[in-house]
Each structure stands twice: as C-alpha cells, then as structure tokens.
Amino acid sequence: THPAGASTTATAVAYQGSTTHEGGSDDSVRAPLQ
C-alpha cells in the first residue's frame, strides 16, 4: 500500500525497516492509502 499518487520506490533493508529497527515513517505518509 502507498499514498495515492505517490512513488512506489522505497528501501527497507532489515527487520523493522532499517538497521536500527526504527519501524517508523515520516509525515509524508498520509491517508488515503491505496
């Protein structure tokens, strides 16, 4: 799933996304998702 109209290119390299396992995202991810 991704924000409507957003690029679908991303990087998640490990469990919980990053090597430090932050597991989060920033404010650019907002509803509605498609």
ModelCIF file with pLDDT and N, C-alpha, C, O atoms, coordinates in Angstrom:
data_MODEL
#
_entry.id   MODEL 
#
_entity.id                         1 
_entity.type                       polymer 
_entity.pdbx_number_of_molecules   1 
#
_entity_poly.entity_id                      1 
_entity_poly.type                           'polypeptide(L)' 
_entity_poly.nstd_linkage                   no 
_entity_poly.nstd_monomer                   no 
_entity_poly.pdbx_seq_one_letter_code       THPAGASTTATAVAYQGSTTHEGGSDDSVRAPLQ 
_entity_poly.pdbx_seq_one_letter_code_can   THPAGASTTATAVAYQGSTTHEGGSDDSVRAPLQ 
_entity_poly.pdbx_strand_id                 A 
#
loop_
_entity_poly_seq.entity_id 
_entity_poly_seq.num 
_entity_poly_seq.mon_id 
_entity_poly_seq.hetero 
1 1  THR n 
1 2  HIS n 
1 3  PRO n 
1 4  ALA n 
1 5  GLY n 
1 6  ALA n 
1 7  SER n 
1 8  THR n 
1 9  THR n 
1 10 ALA n 
1 11 THR n 
1 12 ALA n 
1 13 VAL n 
1 14 ALA n 
1 15 TYR n 
1 16 GLN n 
1 17 GLY n 
1 18 SER n 
1 19 THR n 
1 20 THR n 
1 21 HIS n 
1 22 GLU n 
1 23 GLY n 
1 24 GLY n 
1 25 SER n 
1 26 ASP n 
1 27 ASP n 
1 28 SER n 
1 29 VAL n 
1 30 ARG n 
1 31 ALA n 
1 32 PRO n 
1 33 LEU n 
1 34 GLN n 
#
_struct_asym.id          A 
_struct_asym.entity_id   1 
#
loop_
_ma_qa_metric.id 
_ma_qa_metric.mode 
_ma_qa_metric.name 
_ma_qa_metric.software_group_id 
_ma_qa_metric.type 
1 global pLDDT . pLDDT 
2 local  pLDDT . pLDDT 
#
_ma_qa_metric_global.metric_id      1 
_ma_qa_metric_global.metric_value   74.62 
_ma_qa_metric_global.model_id       1 
_ma_qa_metric_global.ordinal_id     1 
#
loop_
_ma_qa_metric_local.label_asym_id 
_ma_qa_metric_local.label_comp_id 
_ma_qa_metric_local.label_seq_id 
_ma_qa_metric_local.metric_id 
_ma_qa_metric_local.metric_value 
_ma_qa_metric_local.model_id 
_ma_qa_metric_local.ordinal_id 
A THR 1  2 59.00 1 1  
A HIS 2  2 57.00 1 2  
A PRO 3  2 54.00 1 3  
A ALA 4  2 51.00 1 4  
A GLY 5  2 51.00 1 5  
A ALA 6  2 48.00 1 6  
A SER 7  2 48.00 1 7  
A THR 8  2 50.00 1 8  
A THR 9  2 56.00 1 9  
A ALA 10 2 62.00 1 10 
A THR 11 2 86.00 1 11 
A ALA 12 2 93.00 1 12 
A VAL 13 2 95.00 1 13 
A ALA 14 2 96.00 1 14 
A TYR 15 2 95.00 1 15 
A GLN 16 2 93.00 1 16 
A GLY 17 2 92.00 1 17 
A SER 18 2 94.00 1 18 
A THR 19 2 96.00 1 19 
A THR 20 2 95.00 1 20 
A HIS 21 2 94.00 1 21 
A GLU 22 2 88.00 1 22 
A GLY 23 2 84.00 1 23 
A GLY 24 2 70.00 1 24 
A SER 25 2 62.00 1 25 
A ASP 26 2 60.00 1 26 
A ASP 27 2 63.00 1 27 
A SER 28 2 68.00 1 28 
A VAL 29 2 71.00 1 29 
A ARG 30 2 75.00 1 30 
A ALA 31 2 80.00 1 31 
A PRO 32 2 83.00 1 32 
A LEU 33 2 83.00 1 33 
A GLN 34 2 85.00 1 34 
#
loop_
_atom_site.group_PDB 
_atom_site.id 
_atom_site.type_symbol 
_atom_site.label_atom_id 
_atom_site.label_alt_id 
_atom_site.label_comp_id 
_atom_site.label_asym_id 
_atom_site.label_entity_id 
_atom_site.label_seq_id 
_atom_site.pdbx_PDB_ins_code 
_atom_site.Cartn_x 
_atom_site.Cartn_y 
_atom_site.Cartn_z 
_atom_site.occupancy 
_atom_site.B_iso_or_equiv 
_atom_site.pdbx_formal_charge 
_atom_site.auth_seq_id 
_atom_site.auth_comp_id 
_atom_site.auth_asym_id 
_atom_site.auth_atom_id 
_atom_site.pdbx_PDB_model_num 
ATOM 1   N N  . THR A 1 1  ? 0.846  -1.180 0.000  1.00 59.00 ? 1  THR A N  1 
ATOM 2   C CA . THR A 1 1  ? 0.000  0.000  0.000  1.00 59.00 ? 1  THR A CA 1 
ATOM 3   C C  . THR A 1 1  ? 0.885  1.235  0.000  1.00 59.00 ? 1  THR A C  1 
ATOM 4   O O  . THR A 1 1  ? 2.020  1.195  0.476  1.00 59.00 ? 1  THR A O  1 
ATOM 5   N N  . HIS A 1 2  ? 0.360  2.340  -0.539 1.00 57.00 ? 2  HIS A N  1 
ATOM 6   C CA . HIS A 1 2  ? 1.132  3.577  -0.583 1.00 57.00 ? 2  HIS A CA 1 
ATOM 7   C C  . HIS A 1 2  ? 0.171  4.748  -0.720 1.00 57.00 ? 2  HIS A C  1 
ATOM 8   O O  . HIS A 1 2  ? -0.971 4.556  -1.138 1.00 57.00 ? 2  HIS A O  1 
ATOM 9   N N  . PRO A 1 3  ? 0.611  5.968  -0.375 1.00 54.00 ? 3  PRO A N  1 
ATOM 10  C CA . PRO A 1 3  ? -0.257 7.135  -0.542 1.00 54.00 ? 3  PRO A CA 1 
ATOM 11  C C  . PRO A 1 3  ? -0.682 7.293  -1.990 1.00 54.00 ? 3  PRO A C  1 
ATOM 12  O O  . PRO A 1 3  ? 0.103  7.054  -2.908 1.00 54.00 ? 3  PRO A O  1 
ATOM 13  N N  . ALA A 1 4  ? -1.917 7.693  -2.188 1.00 51.00 ? 4  ALA A N  1 
ATOM 14  C CA . ALA A 1 4  ? -2.430 7.865  -3.539 1.00 51.00 ? 4  ALA A CA 1 
ATOM 15  C C  . ALA A 1 4  ? -1.566 8.845  -4.315 1.00 51.00 ? 4  ALA A C  1 
ATOM 16  O O  . ALA A 1 4  ? -1.304 9.954  -3.850 1.00 51.00 ? 4  ALA A O  1 
ATOM 17  N N  . GLY A 1 5  ? -1.121 8.431  -5.506 1.00 51.00 ? 5  GLY A N  1 
ATOM 18  C CA . GLY A 1 5  ? -0.316 9.268  -6.367 1.00 51.00 ? 5  GLY A CA 1 
ATOM 19  C C  . GLY A 1 5  ? 1.157  9.313  -6.033 1.00 51.00 ? 5  GLY A C  1 
ATOM 20  O O  . GLY A 1 5  ? 1.914  10.015 -6.704 1.00 51.00 ? 5  GLY A O  1 
ATOM 21  N N  . ALA A 1 6  ? 1.596  8.572  -5.000 1.00 48.00 ? 6  ALA A N  1 
ATOM 22  C CA . ALA A 1 6  ? 2.991  8.624  -4.574 1.00 48.00 ? 6  ALA A CA 1 
ATOM 23  C C  . ALA A 1 6  ? 3.833  7.637  -5.350 1.00 48.00 ? 6  ALA A C  1 
ATOM 24  O O  . ALA A 1 6  ? 3.323  6.666  -5.909 1.00 48.00 ? 6  ALA A O  1 
ATOM 25  N N  . SER A 1 7  ? 5.139  7.897  -5.379 1.00 48.00 ? 7  SER A N  1 
ATOM 26  C CA . SER A 1 7  ? 6.081  6.948  -5.949 1.00 48.00 ? 7  SER A CA 1 
ATOM 27  C C  . SER A 1 7  ? 6.096  5.680  -5.114 1.00 48.00 ? 7  SER A C  1 
ATOM 28  O O  . SER A 1 7  ? 5.901  5.739  -3.900 1.00 48.00 ? 7  SER A O  1 
ATOM 29  N N  . THR A 1 8  ? 6.326  4.529  -5.747 1.00 50.00 ? 8  THR A N  1 
ATOM 30  C CA . THR A 1 8  ? 6.373  3.273  -5.006 1.00 50.00 ? 8  THR A CA 1 
ATOM 31  C C  . THR A 1 8  ? 7.804  2.779  -4.823 1.00 50.00 ? 8  THR A C  1 
ATOM 32  O O  . THR A 1 8  ? 8.005  1.612  -4.486 1.00 50.00 ? 8  THR A O  1 
ATOM 33  N N  . THR A 1 9  ? 8.804  3.634  -5.034 1.00 56.00 ? 9  THR A N  1 
ATOM 34  C CA . THR A 1 9  ? 10.186 3.232  -4.840 1.00 56.00 ? 9  THR A CA 1 
ATOM 35  C C  . THR A 1 9  ? 10.593 3.491  -3.398 1.00 56.00 ? 9  THR A C  1 
ATOM 36  O O  . THR A 1 9  ? 10.433 4.604  -2.897 1.00 56.00 ? 9  THR A O  1 
ATOM 37  N N  . ALA A 1 10 ? 11.123 2.462  -2.723 1.00 62.00 ? 10 ALA A N  1 
ATOM 38  C CA . ALA A 1 10 ? 11.482 2.614  -1.316 1.00 62.00 ? 10 ALA A CA 1 
ATOM 39  C C  . ALA A 1 10 ? 12.608 1.666  -0.970 1.00 62.00 ? 10 ALA A C  1 
ATOM 40  O O  . ALA A 1 10 ? 12.969 0.787  -1.753 1.00 62.00 ? 10 ALA A O  1 
ATOM 41  N N  . THR A 1 11 ? 13.155 1.858  0.212  1.00 86.00 ? 11 THR A N  1 
ATOM 42  C CA . THR A 1 11 ? 14.190 0.970  0.710  1.00 86.00 ? 11 THR A CA 1 
ATOM 43  C C  . THR A 1 11 ? 13.865 0.576  2.141  1.00 86.00 ? 11 THR A C  1 
ATOM 44  O O  . THR A 1 11 ? 13.696 1.438  3.004  1.00 86.00 ? 11 THR A O  1 
ATOM 45  N N  . ALA A 1 12 ? 13.780 -0.701 2.390  1.00 93.00 ? 12 ALA A N  1 
ATOM 46  C CA . ALA A 1 12 ? 13.629 -1.247 3.742  1.00 93.00 ? 12 ALA A CA 1 
ATOM 47  C C  . ALA A 1 12 ? 14.587 -2.420 3.814  1.00 93.00 ? 12 ALA A C  1 
ATOM 48  O O  . ALA A 1 12 ? 14.337 -3.457 3.200  1.00 93.00 ? 12 ALA A O  1 
ATOM 49  N N  . VAL A 1 13 ? 15.678 -2.276 4.551  1.00 95.00 ? 13 VAL A N  1 
ATOM 50  C CA . VAL A 1 13 ? 16.795 -3.203 4.408  1.00 95.00 ? 13 VAL A CA 1 
ATOM 51  C C  . VAL A 1 13 ? 16.843 -4.308 5.450  1.00 95.00 ? 13 VAL A C  1 
ATOM 52  O O  . VAL A 1 13 ? 17.664 -5.220 5.346  1.00 95.00 ? 13 VAL A O  1 
ATOM 53  N N  . ALA A 1 14 ? 15.970 -4.239 6.460  1.00 96.00 ? 14 ALA A N  1 
ATOM 54  C CA . ALA A 1 14 ? 16.063 -5.207 7.556  1.00 96.00 ? 14 ALA A CA 1 
ATOM 55  C C  . ALA A 1 14 ? 14.725 -5.285 8.284  1.00 96.00 ? 14 ALA A C  1 
ATOM 56  O O  . ALA A 1 14 ? 13.773 -4.589 7.932  1.00 96.00 ? 14 ALA A O  1 
ATOM 57  N N  . TYR A 1 15 ? 14.666 -6.128 9.284  1.00 95.00 ? 15 TYR A N  1 
ATOM 58  C CA . TYR A 1 15 ? 13.508 -6.193 10.174 1.00 95.00 ? 15 TYR A CA 1 
ATOM 59  C C  . TYR A 1 15 ? 13.200 -4.794 10.720 1.00 95.00 ? 15 TYR A C  1 
ATOM 60  O O  . TYR A 1 15 ? 14.108 -4.089 11.161 1.00 95.00 ? 15 TYR A O  1 
ATOM 61  N N  . GLN A 1 16 ? 11.929 -4.393 10.694 1.00 93.00 ? 16 GLN A N  1 
ATOM 62  C CA . GLN A 1 16 ? 11.508 -3.058 11.115 1.00 93.00 ? 16 GLN A CA 1 
ATOM 63  C C  . GLN A 1 16 ? 12.128 -1.947 10.264 1.00 93.00 ? 16 GLN A C  1 
ATOM 64  O O  . GLN A 1 16 ? 12.251 -0.811 10.721 1.00 93.00 ? 16 GLN A O  1 
ATOM 65  N N  . GLY A 1 17 ? 12.515 -2.270 9.042  1.00 92.00 ? 17 GLY A N  1 
ATOM 66  C CA . GLY A 1 17 ? 12.848 -1.250 8.062  1.00 92.00 ? 17 GLY A CA 1 
ATOM 67  C C  . GLY A 1 17 ? 14.305 -0.904 7.922  1.00 92.00 ? 17 GLY A C  1 
ATOM 68  O O  . GLY A 1 17 ? 14.854 -0.973 6.822  1.00 92.00 ? 17 GLY A O  1 
ATOM 69  N N  . SER A 1 18 ? 14.956 -0.526 9.026  1.00 94.00 ? 18 SER A N  1 
ATOM 70  C CA . SER A 1 18 ? 16.329 -0.049 8.948  1.00 94.00 ? 18 SER A CA 1 
ATOM 71  C C  . SER A 1 18 ? 17.243 -0.900 9.826  1.00 94.00 ? 18 SER A C  1 
ATOM 72  O O  . SER A 1 18 ? 16.777 -1.776 10.554 1.00 94.00 ? 18 SER A O  1 
ATOM 73  N N  . THR A 1 19 ? 18.538 -0.636 9.751  1.00 96.00 ? 19 THR A N  1 
ATOM 74  C CA . THR A 1 19 ? 19.490 -1.393 10.570 1.00 96.00 ? 19 THR A CA 1 
ATOM 75  C C  . THR A 1 19 ? 19.354 -1.081 12.057 1.00 96.00 ? 19 THR A C  1 
ATOM 76  O O  . THR A 1 19 ? 19.822 -1.851 12.895 1.00 96.00 ? 19 THR A O  1 
ATOM 77  N N  . THR A 1 20 ? 18.719 0.037  12.391 1.00 95.00 ? 20 THR A N  1 
ATOM 78  C CA . THR A 1 20 ? 18.456 0.359  13.790 1.00 95.00 ? 20 THR A CA 1 
ATOM 79  C C  . THR A 1 20 ? 17.035 -0.001 14.202 1.00 95.00 ? 20 THR A C  1 
ATOM 80  O O  . THR A 1 20 ? 16.644 0.231  15.347 1.00 95.00 ? 20 THR A O  1 
ATOM 81  N N  . HIS A 1 21 ? 16.259 -0.566 13.281 1.00 94.00 ? 21 HIS A N  1 
ATOM 82  C CA . HIS A 1 21 ? 14.905 -1.081 13.564 1.00 94.00 ? 21 HIS A CA 1 
ATOM 83  C C  . HIS A 1 21 ? 13.967 0.002  14.084 1.00 94.00 ? 21 HIS A C  1 
ATOM 84  O O  . HIS A 1 21 ? 13.232 -0.212 15.048 1.00 94.00 ? 21 HIS A O  1 
ATOM 85  N N  . GLU A 1 22 ? 13.999 1.162  13.441 1.00 88.00 ? 22 GLU A N  1 
ATOM 86  C CA . GLU A 1 22 ? 13.128 2.260  13.860 1.00 88.00 ? 22 GLU A CA 1 
ATOM 87  C C  . GLU A 1 22 ? 11.652 1.941  13.660 1.00 88.00 ? 22 GLU A C  1 
ATOM 88  O O  . GLU A 1 22 ? 10.808 2.300  14.481 1.00 88.00 ? 22 GLU A O  1 
ATOM 89  N N  . GLY A 1 23 ? 11.355 1.262  12.557 1.00 84.00 ? 23 GLY A N  1 
ATOM 90  C CA . GLY A 1 23 ? 9.978  0.829  12.327 1.00 84.00 ? 23 GLY A CA 1 
ATOM 91  C C  . GLY A 1 23 ? 8.990  1.958  12.103 1.00 84.00 ? 23 GLY A C  1 
ATOM 92  O O  . GLY A 1 23 ? 7.789  1.755  12.282 1.00 84.00 ? 23 GLY A O  1 
ATOM 93  N N  . GLY A 1 24 ? 9.452  3.139  11.718 1.00 70.00 ? 24 GLY A N  1 
ATOM 94  C CA . GLY A 1 24 ? 8.551  4.269  11.572 1.00 70.00 ? 24 GLY A CA 1 
ATOM 95  C C  . GLY A 1 24 ? 8.605  4.882  10.196 1.00 70.00 ? 24 GLY A C  1 
ATOM 96  O O  . GLY A 1 24 ? 9.304  4.396  9.308  1.00 70.00 ? 24 GLY A O  1 
ATOM 97  N N  . SER A 1 25 ? 7.863  5.948  10.031 1.00 62.00 ? 25 SER A N  1 
ATOM 98  C CA . SER A 1 25 ? 7.850  6.692  8.780  1.00 62.00 ? 25 SER A CA 1 
ATOM 99  C C  . SER A 1 25 ? 7.702  8.164  9.119  1.00 62.00 ? 25 SER A C  1 
ATOM 100 O O  . SER A 1 25 ? 7.458  8.514  10.274 1.00 62.00 ? 25 SER A O  1 
ATOM 101 N N  . ASP A 1 26 ? 7.847  9.032  8.121  1.00 60.00 ? 26 ASP A N  1 
ATOM 102 C CA . ASP A 1 26 ? 7.726  10.456 8.390  1.00 60.00 ? 26 ASP A CA 1 
ATOM 103 C C  . ASP A 1 26 ? 6.365  10.981 7.947  1.00 60.00 ? 26 ASP A C  1 
ATOM 104 O O  . ASP A 1 26 ? 5.490  10.216 7.541  1.00 60.00 ? 26 ASP A O  1 
ATOM 105 N N  . ASP A 1 27 ? 6.201  12.311 8.031  1.00 63.00 ? 27 ASP A N  1 
ATOM 106 C CA . ASP A 1 27 ? 4.888  12.904 7.802  1.00 63.00 ? 27 ASP A CA 1 
ATOM 107 C C  . ASP A 1 27 ? 4.437  12.856 6.350  1.00 63.00 ? 27 ASP A C  1 
ATOM 108 O O  . ASP A 1 27 ? 3.302  13.227 6.051  1.00 63.00 ? 27 ASP A O  1 
ATOM 109 N N  . SER A 1 28 ? 5.302  12.407 5.435  1.00 68.00 ? 28 SER A N  1 
ATOM 110 C CA . SER A 1 28 ? 4.875  12.338 4.037  1.00 68.00 ? 28 SER A CA 1 
ATOM 111 C C  . SER A 1 28 ? 3.920  11.174 3.785  1.00 68.00 ? 28 SER A C  1 
ATOM 112 O O  . SER A 1 28 ? 3.287  11.115 2.730  1.00 68.00 ? 28 SER A O  1 
ATOM 113 N N  . VAL A 1 29 ? 3.807  10.254 4.731  1.00 71.00 ? 29 VAL A N  1 
ATOM 114 C CA . VAL A 1 29 ? 2.880  9.130  4.585  1.00 71.00 ? 29 VAL A CA 1 
ATOM 115 C C  . VAL A 1 29 ? 1.568  9.488  5.266  1.00 71.00 ? 29 VAL A C  1 
ATOM 116 O O  . VAL A 1 29 ? 1.487  9.541  6.493  1.00 71.00 ? 29 VAL A O  1 
ATOM 117 N N  . ARG A 1 30 ? 0.559  9.731  4.469  1.00 75.00 ? 30 ARG A N  1 
ATOM 118 C CA . ARG A 1 30 ? -0.731 10.149 4.994  1.00 75.00 ? 30 ARG A CA 1 
ATOM 119 C C  . ARG A 1 30 ? -1.849 9.451  4.239  1.00 75.00 ? 30 ARG A C  1 
ATOM 120 O O  . ARG A 1 30 ? -1.684 9.062  3.083  1.00 75.00 ? 30 ARG A O  1 
ATOM 121 N N  . ALA A 1 31 ? -2.980 9.298  4.897  1.00 80.00 ? 31 ALA A N  1 
ATOM 122 C CA . ALA A 1 31 ? -4.172 8.787  4.233  1.00 80.00 ? 31 ALA A CA 1 
ATOM 123 C C  . ALA A 1 31 ? -4.644 9.813  3.195  1.00 80.00 ? 31 ALA A C  1 
ATOM 124 O O  . ALA A 1 31 ? -4.368 11.003 3.343  1.00 80.00 ? 31 ALA A O  1 
ATOM 125 N N  . PRO A 1 32 ? -5.346 9.375  2.155  1.00 83.00 ? 32 PRO A N  1 
ATOM 126 C CA . PRO A 1 32 ? -5.759 7.993  1.935  1.00 83.00 ? 32 PRO A CA 1 
ATOM 127 C C  . PRO A 1 32 ? -4.654 7.151  1.293  1.00 83.00 ? 32 PRO A C  1 
ATOM 128 O O  . PRO A 1 32 ? -3.865 7.648  0.489  1.00 83.00 ? 32 PRO A O  1 
ATOM 129 N N  . LEU A 1 33 ? -4.612 5.882  1.658  1.00 83.00 ? 33 LEU A N  1 
ATOM 130 C CA . LEU A 1 33 ? -3.712 4.934  1.022  1.00 83.00 ? 33 LEU A CA 1 
ATOM 131 C C  . LEU A 1 33 ? -4.479 4.135  -0.016 1.00 83.00 ? 33 LEU A C  1 
ATOM 132 O O  . LEU A 1 33 ? -5.697 3.981  0.069  1.00 83.00 ? 33 LEU A O  1 
ATOM 133 N N  . GLN A 1 34 ? -3.744 3.630  -0.998 1.00 85.00 ? 34 GLN A N  1 
ATOM 134 C CA . GLN A 1 34 ? -4.381 2.786  -1.997 1.00 85.00 ? 34 GLN A CA 1 
ATOM 135 C C  . GLN A 1 34 ? -3.607 1.477  -2.114 1.00 85.00 ? 34 GLN A C  1 
ATOM 136 O O  . GLN A 1 34 ? -3.975 0.611  -2.907 1.00 85.00 ? 34 GLN A O  1 
#
